Structure formats: structure tokens, C-alpha cells
Amino acid sequence: MDIRCRKTGCKYNDKLTCMAHGITISDALTCTQFEKGDGGKDISRQIFDETPDVAEYRHNKKLTLRCKAHCLFNNQCKCIANGITVNPINEVPKCITFLKP
């Protein structure tokens, strides 16, 4: 499972990749693990003029990804997608991999 995230002000964000051990996506598609980080400027609202430094693909079989959304990838509150992307929408980190069933 690879979790990409553009909410760069989160303490779990490392080069646009989520490093939390597990996350939960709420029924409103919000990432509930978001915690404001200590350092670094939050560039989540910026449009990148150049390619940002992005961490390599990190597959983690032990990552727990719970989901409460009515989504095609939701199988008994577990996300079965190969990975998800979280993008800030109106400052709120939301799963944009969501697909209506």
C-alpha cells in the first residue's frame, strides 16, 4: 500500500508520502490522522512550478488503512486499493482515490 499525500503540513508527510502506521478515511473522505507538523512550510495549496522531491514508492503490507466511506475500494471498512492519494480540499486532507460503487 502506497499513500501519497499533498498535505505537506502534516507531521506524517515525508516527501509527499504518508509515513503513518495506519490511517482512517472518514465517511466524509477526510484523513483523520492529520496532525500539524512542527517544521517546514505547508505547500499543500501551491501549484508546483517544478517537480517536487517525491519519496520512492514504499509498499507496506503492514499498513492499516481503514475506510468508512461508501467507496468502490471499501471492503468491510478496509481499503482494497493498491494505494491512495490524499489532497487538501479547502484545507482539509481528503482521499481523492474515492470511486462511487
PDB file of N, CA and C in Angstrom:
ATOM      1  N   MET A   1       0.851  -1.170   0.000  1.00  0.00           N
ATOM      2  CA  MET A   1       0.000   0.000   0.000  1.00  0.00           C
ATOM      3  C   MET A   1       0.895   1.230   0.000  1.00  0.00           C
ATOM      4  N   ASP A   2       0.660   2.117  -0.922  1.00  0.00           N
ATOM      5  CA  ASP A   2       1.419   3.353  -1.027  1.00  0.00           C
ATOM      6  C   ASP A   2       0.434   4.507  -0.847  1.00  0.00           C
ATOM      7  N   ILE A   3       0.728   5.389   0.086  1.00  0.00           N
ATOM      8  CA  ILE A   3      -0.168   6.511   0.344  1.00  0.00           C
ATOM      9  C   ILE A   3       0.552   7.807   0.018  1.00  0.00           C
ATOM     10  N   ARG A   4       0.088   8.469  -1.012  1.00  0.00           N
ATOM     11  CA  ARG A   4       0.635   9.763  -1.413  1.00  0.00           C
ATOM     12  C   ARG A   4      -0.238  10.860  -0.813  1.00  0.00           C
ATOM     13  N   CYS A   5       0.415  11.931  -0.365  1.00  0.00           N
ATOM     14  CA  CYS A   5      -0.330  12.993   0.297  1.00  0.00           C
ATOM     15  C   CYS A   5       0.277  14.351  -0.027  1.00  0.00           C
ATOM     16  N   ARG A   6      -0.581  15.283  -0.436  1.00  0.00           N
ATOM     17  CA  ARG A   6      -0.125  16.650  -0.722  1.00  0.00           C
ATOM     18  C   ARG A   6      -0.356  17.583   0.462  1.00  0.00           C
ATOM     19  N   LYS A   7      -0.817  17.056   1.591  1.00  0.00           N
ATOM     20  CA  LYS A   7      -0.989  17.884   2.788  1.00  0.00           C
ATOM     21  C   LYS A   7       0.360  17.933   3.493  1.00  0.00           C
ATOM     22  N   THR A   8       1.254  18.764   2.952  1.00  0.00           N
ATOM     23  CA  THR A   8       2.648  18.771   3.379  1.00  0.00           C
ATOM     24  C   THR A   8       2.852  19.310   4.786  1.00  0.00           C
ATOM     25  N   GLY A   9       1.859  19.954   5.368  1.00  0.00           N
ATOM     26  CA  GLY A   9       1.990  20.455   6.723  1.00  0.00           C
ATOM     27  C   GLY A   9       1.724  19.400   7.775  1.00  0.00           C
ATOM     28  N   CYS A  10       1.470  18.168   7.376  1.00  0.00           N
ATOM     29  CA  CYS A  10       1.187  17.080   8.316  1.00  0.00           C
ATOM     30  C   CYS A  10       2.491  16.473   8.827  1.00  0.00           C
ATOM     31  N   LYS A  11       2.517  16.109  10.099  1.00  0.00           N
ATOM     32  CA  LYS A  11       3.743  15.551  10.675  1.00  0.00           C
ATOM     33  C   LYS A  11       4.098  14.188  10.081  1.00  0.00           C
ATOM     34  N   TYR A  12       3.153  13.496   9.447  1.00  0.00           N
ATOM     35  CA  TYR A  12       3.417  12.190   8.854  1.00  0.00           C
ATOM     36  C   TYR A  12       3.877  12.277   7.404  1.00  0.00           C
ATOM     37  N   ASN A  13       3.890  13.470   6.824  1.00  0.00           N
ATOM     38  CA  ASN A  13       4.235  13.632   5.423  1.00  0.00           C
ATOM     39  C   ASN A  13       5.751  13.678   5.242  1.00  0.00           C
ATOM     40  N   ASP A  14       6.257  12.792   4.387  1.00  0.00           N
ATOM     41  CA  ASP A  14       7.677  12.766   4.046  1.00  0.00           C
ATOM     42  C   ASP A  14       7.800  12.730   2.531  1.00  0.00           C
ATOM     43  N   LYS A  15       8.128  13.855   1.959  1.00  0.00           N
ATOM     44  CA  LYS A  15       8.280  13.946   0.505  1.00  0.00           C
ATOM     45  C   LYS A  15       7.036  13.466  -0.228  1.00  0.00           C
ATOM     46  N   LEU A  16       5.888  13.962   0.202  1.00  0.00           N
ATOM     47  CA  LEU A  16       4.576  13.670  -0.398  1.00  0.00           C
ATOM     48  C   LEU A  16       4.132  12.218  -0.193  1.00  0.00           C
ATOM     49  N   THR A  17       4.712  11.527   0.764  1.00  0.00           N
ATOM     50  CA  THR A  17       4.326  10.167   1.106  1.00  0.00           C
ATOM     51  C   THR A  17       3.961  10.112   2.579  1.00  0.00           C
ATOM     52  N   CYS A  18       2.851   9.447   2.890  1.00  0.00           N
ATOM     53  CA  CYS A  18       2.405   9.324   4.276  1.00  0.00           C
ATOM     54  C   CYS A  18       3.224   8.250   4.991  1.00  0.00           C
ATOM     55  N   MET A  19       3.745   8.606   6.163  1.00  0.00           N
ATOM     56  CA  MET A  19       4.551   7.673   6.948  1.00  0.00           C
ATOM     57  C   MET A  19       3.830   7.199   8.213  1.00  0.00           C
ATOM     58  N   ALA A  20       2.545   7.478   8.338  1.00  0.00           N
ATOM     59  CA  ALA A  20       1.782   6.994   9.492  1.00  0.00           C
ATOM     60  C   ALA A  20       1.695   5.468   9.411  1.00  0.00           C
ATOM     61  N   HIS A  21       1.580   4.819  10.551  1.00  0.00           N
ATOM     62  CA  HIS A  21       1.479   3.352  10.578  1.00  0.00           C
ATOM     63  C   HIS A  21       0.095   2.879  10.138  1.00  0.00           C
ATOM     64  N   GLY A  22      -0.854   3.750  10.213  1.00  0.00           N
ATOM     65  CA  GLY A  22      -2.203   3.426   9.786  1.00  0.00           C
ATOM     66  C   GLY A  22      -3.012   4.699   9.701  1.00  0.00           C
ATOM     67  N   ILE A  23      -3.974   4.713   8.805  1.00  0.00           N
ATOM     68  CA  ILE A  23      -4.855   5.874   8.707  1.00  0.00           C
ATOM     69  C   ILE A  23      -6.291   5.402   8.560  1.00  0.00           C
ATOM     70  N   THR A  24      -7.179   6.324   8.850  1.00  0.00           N
ATOM     71  CA  THR A  24      -8.608   6.081   8.672  1.00  0.00           C
ATOM     72  C   THR A  24      -9.165   7.189   7.803  1.00  0.00           C
ATOM     73  N   ILE A  25      -9.917   6.798   6.794  1.00  0.00           N
ATOM     74  CA  ILE A  25     -10.636   7.748   5.955  1.00  0.00           C
ATOM     75  C   ILE A  25     -12.082   7.746   6.441  1.00  0.00           C
ATOM     76  N   SER A  26     -12.572   8.921   6.819  1.00  0.00           N
ATOM     77  CA  SER A  26     -13.922   9.029   7.363  1.00  0.00           C
ATOM     78  C   SER A  26     -14.969   8.896   6.265  1.00  0.00           C
ATOM     79  N   ASP A  27     -16.236   8.839   6.665  1.00  0.00           N
ATOM     80  CA  ASP A  27     -17.313   8.760   5.676  1.00  0.00           C
ATOM     81  C   ASP A  27     -17.392  10.029   4.836  1.00  0.00           C
ATOM     82  N   ALA A  28     -16.766  11.119   5.300  1.00  0.00           N
ATOM     83  CA  ALA A  28     -16.699  12.365   4.533  1.00  0.00           C
ATOM     84  C   ALA A  28     -15.408  12.443   3.707  1.00  0.00           C
ATOM     85  N   LEU A  29     -14.697  11.312   3.577  1.00  0.00           N
ATOM     86  CA  LEU A  29     -13.467  11.178   2.794  1.00  0.00           C
ATOM     87  C   LEU A  29     -12.261  11.875   3.427  1.00  0.00           C
ATOM     88  N   THR A  30     -12.347  12.292   4.670  1.00  0.00           N
ATOM     89  CA  THR A  30     -11.274  13.018   5.347  1.00  0.00           C
ATOM     90  C   THR A  30     -10.289  12.057   5.996  1.00  0.00           C
ATOM     91  N   CYS A  31      -9.003  12.360   5.862  1.00  0.00           N
ATOM     92  CA  CYS A  31      -7.962  11.608   6.558  1.00  0.00           C
ATOM     93  C   CYS A  31      -7.967  12.057   8.016  1.00  0.00           C
ATOM     94  N   THR A  32      -8.304  11.149   8.926  1.00  0.00           N
ATOM     95  CA  THR A  32      -8.450  11.519  10.335  1.00  0.00           C
ATOM     96  C   THR A  32      -7.123  11.532  11.090  1.00  0.00           C
ATOM     97  N   GLN A  33      -6.029  11.107  10.471  1.00  0.00           N
ATOM     98  CA  GLN A  33      -4.734  11.092  11.145  1.00  0.00           C
ATOM     99  C   GLN A  33      -3.978  12.404  11.000  1.00  0.00           C
ATOM    100  N   PHE A  34      -4.476  13.335  10.220  1.00  0.00           N
ATOM    101  CA  PHE A  34      -3.753  14.579  10.009  1.00  0.00           C
ATOM    102  C   PHE A  34      -3.401  15.246  11.335  1.00  0.00           C
ATOM    103  N   GLU A  35      -2.118  15.552  11.485  1.00  0.00           N
ATOM    104  CA  GLU A  35      -1.629  16.315  12.637  1.00  0.00           C
ATOM    105  C   GLU A  35      -0.645  17.347  12.114  1.00  0.00           C
ATOM    106  N   LYS A  36      -0.827  18.563  12.535  1.00  0.00           N
ATOM    107  CA  LYS A  36       0.050  19.635  12.069  1.00  0.00           C
ATOM    108  C   LYS A  36       1.485  19.339  12.471  1.00  0.00           C
ATOM    109  N   GLY A  37       2.390  19.490  11.514  1.00  0.00           N
ATOM    110  CA  GLY A  37       3.801  19.239  11.753  1.00  0.00           C
ATOM    111  C   GLY A  37       4.500  20.431  12.378  1.00  0.00           C
ATOM    112  N   ASP A  38       5.673  20.170  12.922  1.00  0.00           N
ATOM    113  CA  ASP A  38       6.445  21.212  13.600  1.00  0.00           C
ATOM    114  C   ASP A  38       7.194  22.128  12.638  1.00  0.00           C
ATOM    115  N   GLY A  39       7.780  21.544  11.612  1.00  0.00           N
ATOM    116  CA  GLY A  39       8.633  22.356  10.742  1.00  0.00           C
ATOM    117  C   GLY A  39       8.153  22.343   9.322  1.00  0.00           C
ATOM    118  N   GLY A  40       8.833  23.095   8.534  1.00  0.00           N
ATOM    119  CA  GLY A  40       8.542  23.110   7.104  1.00  0.00           C
ATOM    120  C   GLY A  40       7.315  23.915   6.754  1.00  0.00           C
ATOM    121  N   LYS A  41       7.402  24.597   5.655  1.00  0.00           N
ATOM    122  CA  LYS A  41       6.287  25.391   5.158  1.00  0.00           C
ATOM    123  C   LYS A  41       5.262  24.471   4.502  1.00  0.00           C
ATOM    124  N   ASP A  42       3.999  24.695   4.799  1.00  0.00           N
ATOM    125  CA  ASP A  42       2.946  23.896   4.186  1.00  0.00           C
ATOM    126  C   ASP A  42       2.705  24.414   2.770  1.00  0.00           C
ATOM    127  N   ILE A  43       3.049  23.591   1.782  1.00  0.00           N
ATOM    128  CA  ILE A  43       2.897  23.998   0.375  1.00  0.00           C
ATOM    129  C   ILE A  43       1.714  23.298  -0.274  1.00  0.00           C
ATOM    130  N   SER A  44       0.813  22.765   0.552  1.00  0.00           N
ATOM    131  CA  SER A  44      -0.275  21.955   0.016  1.00  0.00           C
ATOM    132  C   SER A  44      -1.189  22.717  -0.936  1.00  0.00           C
ATOM    133  N   ARG A  45      -1.273  24.025  -0.809  1.00  0.00           N
ATOM    134  CA  ARG A  45      -2.156  24.794  -1.691  1.00  0.00           C
ATOM    135  C   ARG A  45      -1.448  25.315  -2.932  1.00  0.00           C
ATOM    136  N   GLN A  46      -0.157  25.175  -2.974  1.00  0.00           N
ATOM    137  CA  GLN A  46       0.595  25.699  -4.110  1.00  0.00           C
ATOM    138  C   GLN A  46       0.513  24.764  -5.311  1.00  0.00           C
ATOM    139  N   ILE A  47       0.544  25.350  -6.473  1.00  0.00           N
ATOM    140  CA  ILE A  47       0.692  24.570  -7.700  1.00  0.00           C
ATOM    141  C   ILE A  47       2.191  24.503  -7.960  1.00  0.00           C
ATOM    142  N   PHE A  48       2.696  23.316  -8.177  1.00  0.00           N
ATOM    143  CA  PHE A  48       4.133  23.141  -8.318  1.00  0.00           C
ATOM    144  C   PHE A  48       4.626  23.694  -9.652  1.00  0.00           C
ATOM    145  N   ASP A  49       5.574  24.612  -9.566  1.00  0.00           N
ATOM    146  CA  ASP A  49       6.203  25.166 -10.768  1.00  0.00           C
ATOM    147  C   ASP A  49       7.267  24.218 -11.297  1.00  0.00           C
ATOM    148  N   GLU A  50       7.784  23.392 -10.425  1.00  0.00           N
ATOM    149  CA  GLU A  50       8.787  22.413 -10.816  1.00  0.00           C
ATOM    150  C   GLU A  50       8.443  21.103 -10.116  1.00  0.00           C
ATOM    151  N   THR A  51       9.060  20.040 -10.551  1.00  0.00           N
ATOM    152  CA  THR A  51       8.781  18.734  -9.962  1.00  0.00           C
ATOM    153  C   THR A  51       9.275  18.703  -8.520  1.00  0.00           C
ATOM    154  N   PRO A  52       8.371  18.414  -7.577  1.00  0.00           N
ATOM    155  CA  PRO A  52       8.787  18.368  -6.178  1.00  0.00           C
ATOM    156  C   PRO A  52       9.586  17.104  -5.879  1.00  0.00           C
ATOM    157  N   ASP A  53      10.325  17.134  -4.781  1.00  0.00           N
ATOM    158  CA  ASP A  53      11.078  15.969  -4.325  1.00  0.00           C
ATOM    159  C   ASP A  53      10.075  14.969  -3.745  1.00  0.00           C
ATOM    160  N   VAL A  54       9.943  13.825  -4.406  1.00  0.00           N
ATOM    161  CA  VAL A  54       8.954  12.820  -4.008  1.00  0.00           C
ATOM    162  C   VAL A  54       9.674  11.553  -3.587  1.00  0.00           C
ATOM    163  N   ALA A  55       9.253  10.988  -2.471  1.00  0.00           N
ATOM    164  CA  ALA A  55       9.849   9.742  -1.994  1.00  0.00           C
ATOM    165  C   ALA A  55       9.541   8.623  -2.972  1.00  0.00           C
ATOM    166  N   GLU A  56      10.412   7.632  -3.025  1.00  0.00           N
ATOM    167  CA  GLU A  56      10.183   6.463  -3.870  1.00  0.00           C
ATOM    168  C   GLU A  56       8.961   5.700  -3.374  1.00  0.00           C
ATOM    169  N   TYR A  57       8.417   4.870  -4.252  1.00  0.00           N
ATOM    170  CA  TYR A  57       7.285   4.036  -3.888  1.00  0.00           C
ATOM    171  C   TYR A  57       7.646   3.201  -2.659  1.00  0.00           C
ATOM    172  N   ARG A  58       6.778   3.225  -1.684  1.00  0.00           N
ATOM    173  CA  ARG A  58       7.012   2.473  -0.448  1.00  0.00           C
ATOM    174  C   ARG A  58       5.834   1.545  -0.218  1.00  0.00           C
ATOM    175  N   HIS A  59       6.013   0.286  -0.518  1.00  0.00           N
ATOM    176  CA  HIS A  59       4.944  -0.682  -0.294  1.00  0.00           C
ATOM    177  C   HIS A  59       5.061  -1.205   1.135  1.00  0.00           C
ATOM    178  N   ASN A  60       3.995  -1.067   1.890  1.00  0.00           N
ATOM    179  CA  ASN A  60       3.991  -1.500   3.272  1.00  0.00           C
ATOM    180  C   ASN A  60       2.800  -2.431   3.493  1.00  0.00           C
ATOM    181  N   LYS A  61       3.062  -3.723   3.585  1.00  0.00           N
ATOM    182  CA  LYS A  61       1.988  -4.695   3.767  1.00  0.00           C
ATOM    183  C   LYS A  61       1.348  -4.590   5.149  1.00  0.00           C
ATOM    184  N   LYS A  62       2.065  -4.013   6.107  1.00  0.00           N
ATOM    185  CA  LYS A  62       1.558  -3.924   7.470  1.00  0.00           C
ATOM    186  C   LYS A  62       0.733  -2.668   7.721  1.00  0.00           C
ATOM    187  N   LEU A  63       0.684  -1.775   6.761  1.00  0.00           N
ATOM    188  CA  LEU A  63      -0.075  -0.540   6.925  1.00  0.00           C
ATOM    189  C   LEU A  63      -1.558  -0.849   7.063  1.00  0.00           C
ATOM    190  N   THR A  64      -2.177  -0.235   8.023  1.00  0.00           N
ATOM    191  CA  THR A  64      -3.612  -0.398   8.229  1.00  0.00           C
ATOM    192  C   THR A  64      -4.321   0.803   7.627  1.00  0.00           C
ATOM    193  N   LEU A  65      -5.164   0.566   6.651  1.00  0.00           N
ATOM    194  CA  LEU A  65      -5.930   1.635   6.021  1.00  0.00           C
ATOM    195  C   LEU A  65      -7.412   1.318   6.177  1.00  0.00           C
ATOM    196  N   ARG A  66      -8.010   1.990   7.129  1.00  0.00           N
ATOM    197  CA  ARG A  66      -9.439   1.807   7.377  1.00  0.00           C
ATOM    198  C   ARG A  66     -10.212   2.866   6.599  1.00  0.00           C
ATOM    199  N   CYS A  67     -11.408   2.499   6.185  1.00  0.00           N
ATOM    200  CA  CYS A  67     -12.220   3.423   5.398  1.00  0.00           C
ATOM    201  C   CYS A  67     -13.678   3.298   5.803  1.00  0.00           C
ATOM    202  N   LYS A  68     -14.288   4.439   6.048  1.00  0.00           N
ATOM    203  CA  LYS A  68     -15.706   4.476   6.409  1.00  0.00           C
ATOM    204  C   LYS A  68     -16.557   5.049   5.283  1.00  0.00           C
ATOM    205  N   ALA A  69     -15.937   5.371   4.154  1.00  0.00           N
ATOM    206  CA  ALA A  69     -16.647   5.976   3.026  1.00  0.00           C
ATOM    207  C   ALA A  69     -17.373   4.912   2.206  1.00  0.00           C
ATOM    208  N   HIS A  70     -18.460   5.322   1.565  1.00  0.00           N
ATOM    209  CA  HIS A  70     -19.190   4.439   0.653  1.00  0.00           C
ATOM    210  C   HIS A  70     -18.443   4.487  -0.685  1.00  0.00           C
ATOM    211  N   CYS A  71     -17.443   3.617  -0.817  1.00  0.00           N
ATOM    212  CA  CYS A  71     -16.495   3.672  -1.930  1.00  0.00           C
ATOM    213  C   CYS A  71     -16.335   2.284  -2.547  1.00  0.00           C
ATOM    214  N   LEU A  72     -16.008   2.252  -3.817  1.00  0.00           N
ATOM    215  CA  LEU A  72     -15.770   1.004  -4.530  1.00  0.00           C
ATOM    216  C   LEU A  72     -14.645   0.192  -3.892  1.00  0.00           C
ATOM    217  N   PHE A  73     -13.649   0.863  -3.321  1.00  0.00           N
ATOM    218  CA  PHE A  73     -12.495   0.183  -2.730  1.00  0.00           C
ATOM    219  C   PHE A  73     -12.708  -0.217  -1.265  1.00  0.00           C
ATOM    220  N   ASN A  74     -13.859   0.097  -0.704  1.00  0.00           N
ATOM    221  CA  ASN A  74     -14.130  -0.223   0.690  1.00  0.00           C
ATOM    222  C   ASN A  74     -14.700  -1.640   0.786  1.00  0.00           C
ATOM    223  N   ASN A  75     -13.973  -2.508   1.483  1.00  0.00           N
ATOM    224  CA  ASN A  75     -14.414  -3.882   1.697  1.00  0.00           C
ATOM    225  C   ASN A  75     -14.443  -4.131   3.206  1.00  0.00           C
ATOM    226  N   GLN A  76     -15.609  -4.005   3.787  1.00  0.00           N
ATOM    227  CA  GLN A  76     -15.807  -4.200   5.218  1.00  0.00           C
ATOM    228  C   GLN A  76     -14.893  -3.293   6.036  1.00  0.00           C
ATOM    229  N   CYS A  77     -14.895  -2.028   5.687  1.00  0.00           N
ATOM    230  CA  CYS A  77     -14.124  -0.956   6.353  1.00  0.00           C
ATOM    231  C   CYS A  77     -12.616  -1.068   6.140  1.00  0.00           C
ATOM    232  N   LYS A  78     -12.172  -1.832   5.154  1.00  0.00           N
ATOM    233  CA  LYS A  78     -10.758  -1.893   4.792  1.00  0.00           C
ATOM    234  C   LYS A  78     -10.629  -1.477   3.338  1.00  0.00           C
ATOM    235  N   CYS A  79      -9.648  -0.622   3.068  1.00  0.00           N
ATOM    236  CA  CYS A  79      -9.414  -0.170   1.702  1.00  0.00           C
ATOM    237  C   CYS A  79      -8.656  -1.254   0.944  1.00  0.00           C
ATOM    238  N   ILE A  80      -9.165  -1.626  -0.226  1.00  0.00           N
ATOM    239  CA  ILE A  80      -8.523  -2.674  -1.024  1.00  0.00           C
ATOM    240  C   ILE A  80      -7.819  -2.103  -2.262  1.00  0.00           C
ATOM    241  N   ALA A  81      -7.696  -0.777  -2.329  1.00  0.00           N
ATOM    242  CA  ALA A  81      -6.941  -0.156  -3.426  1.00  0.00           C
ATOM    243  C   ALA A  81      -5.460  -0.443  -3.219  1.00  0.00           C
ATOM    244  N   ASN A  82      -4.672  -0.400  -4.277  1.00  0.00           N
ATOM    245  CA  ASN A  82      -3.221  -0.599  -4.177  1.00  0.00           C
ATOM    246  C   ASN A  82      -2.538   0.571  -3.496  1.00  0.00           C
ATOM    247  N   GLY A  83      -3.187   1.699  -3.486  1.00  0.00           N
ATOM    248  CA  GLY A  83      -2.665   2.898  -2.862  1.00  0.00           C
ATOM    249  C   GLY A  83      -3.698   3.991  -2.989  1.00  0.00           C
ATOM    250  N   ILE A  84      -3.534   5.042  -2.215  1.00  0.00           N
ATOM    251  CA  ILE A  84      -4.460   6.166  -2.306  1.00  0.00           C
ATOM    252  C   ILE A  84      -3.672   7.469  -2.358  1.00  0.00           C
ATOM    253  N   THR A  85      -4.361   8.520  -2.775  1.00  0.00           N
ATOM    254  CA  THR A  85      -3.789   9.859  -2.764  1.00  0.00           C
ATOM    255  C   THR A  85      -4.697  10.745  -1.929  1.00  0.00           C
ATOM    256  N   VAL A  86      -4.079  11.489  -1.029  1.00  0.00           N
ATOM    257  CA  VAL A  86      -4.799  12.451  -0.202  1.00  0.00           C
ATOM    258  C   VAL A  86      -4.399  13.836  -0.682  1.00  0.00           C
ATOM    259  N   ASN A  87      -5.399  14.664  -0.928  1.00  0.00           N
ATOM    260  CA  ASN A  87      -5.163  16.003  -1.435  1.00  0.00           C
ATOM    261  C   ASN A  87      -5.984  16.982  -0.605  1.00  0.00           C
ATOM    262  N   PRO A  88      -5.414  18.116  -0.226  1.00  0.00           N
ATOM    263  CA  PRO A  88      -6.197  19.068   0.555  1.00  0.00           C
ATOM    264  C   PRO A  88      -7.270  19.743  -0.295  1.00  0.00           C
ATOM    265  N   ILE A  89      -8.485  19.678   0.173  1.00  0.00           N
ATOM    266  CA  ILE A  89      -9.602  20.351  -0.481  1.00  0.00           C
ATOM    267  C   ILE A  89     -10.176  21.297   0.566  1.00  0.00           C
ATOM    268  N   ASN A  90     -10.108  22.594   0.290  1.00  0.00           N
ATOM    269  CA  ASN A  90     -10.495  23.610   1.273  1.00  0.00           C
ATOM    270  C   ASN A  90      -9.765  23.396   2.593  1.00  0.00           C
ATOM    271  N   GLU A  91      -8.456  23.149   2.514  1.00  0.00           N
ATOM    272  CA  GLU A  91      -7.573  22.959   3.668  1.00  0.00           C
ATOM    273  C   GLU A  91      -7.747  21.620   4.377  1.00  0.00           C
ATOM    274  N   VAL A  92      -8.716  20.811   3.975  1.00  0.00           N
ATOM    275  CA  VAL A  92      -8.990  19.533   4.632  1.00  0.00           C
ATOM    276  C   VAL A  92      -8.371  18.406   3.813  1.00  0.00           C
ATOM    277  N   PRO A  93      -7.564  17.524   4.438  1.00  0.00           N
ATOM    278  CA  PRO A  93      -6.958  16.414   3.693  1.00  0.00           C
ATOM    279  C   PRO A  93      -8.000  15.340   3.355  1.00  0.00           C
ATOM    280  N   LYS A  94      -8.296  15.186   2.069  1.00  0.00           N
ATOM    281  CA  LYS A  94      -9.327  14.236   1.640  1.00  0.00           C
ATOM    282  C   LYS A  94      -8.772  13.214   0.669  1.00  0.00           C
ATOM    283  N   CYS A  95      -9.317  12.005   0.738  1.00  0.00           N
ATOM    284  CA  CYS A  95      -8.949  10.936  -0.184  1.00  0.00           C
ATOM    285  C   CYS A  95      -9.554  11.244  -1.544  1.00  0.00           C
ATOM    286  N   ILE A  96      -8.705  11.350  -2.564  1.00  0.00           N
ATOM    287  CA  ILE A  96      -9.227  11.621  -3.914  1.00  0.00           C
ATOM    288  C   ILE A  96      -9.192  10.367  -4.785  1.00  0.00           C
ATOM    289  N   THR A  97      -8.879   9.215  -4.176  1.00  0.00           N
ATOM    290  CA  THR A  97      -8.917   7.937  -4.889  1.00  0.00           C
ATOM    291  C   THR A  97     -10.339   7.379  -4.869  1.00  0.00           C
ATOM    292  N   PHE A  98     -11.206   8.013  -4.108  1.00  0.00           N
ATOM    293  CA  PHE A  98     -12.593   7.606  -3.943  1.00  0.00           C
ATOM    294  C   PHE A  98     -13.297   7.389  -5.279  1.00  0.00           C
ATOM    295  N   LEU A  99     -13.992   6.263  -5.399  1.00  0.00           N
ATOM    296  CA  LEU A  99     -14.845   5.970  -6.556  1.00  0.00           C
ATOM    297  C   LEU A  99     -16.210   5.508  -6.056  1.00  0.00           C
ATOM    298  N   LYS A 100     -17.258   6.068  -6.607  1.00  0.00           N
ATOM    299  CA  LYS A 100     -18.602   5.627  -6.230  1.00  0.00           C
ATOM    300  C   LYS A 100     -18.799   4.191  -6.685  1.00  0.00           C
ATOM    301  N   PRO A 101     -19.402   3.364  -5.845  1.00  0.00           N
ATOM    302  CA  PRO A 101     -19.656   1.956  -6.247  1.00  0.00           C
ATOM    303  C   PRO A 101     -20.772   1.878  -7.293  1.00  0.00           C
TER     304      PRO A 101
END
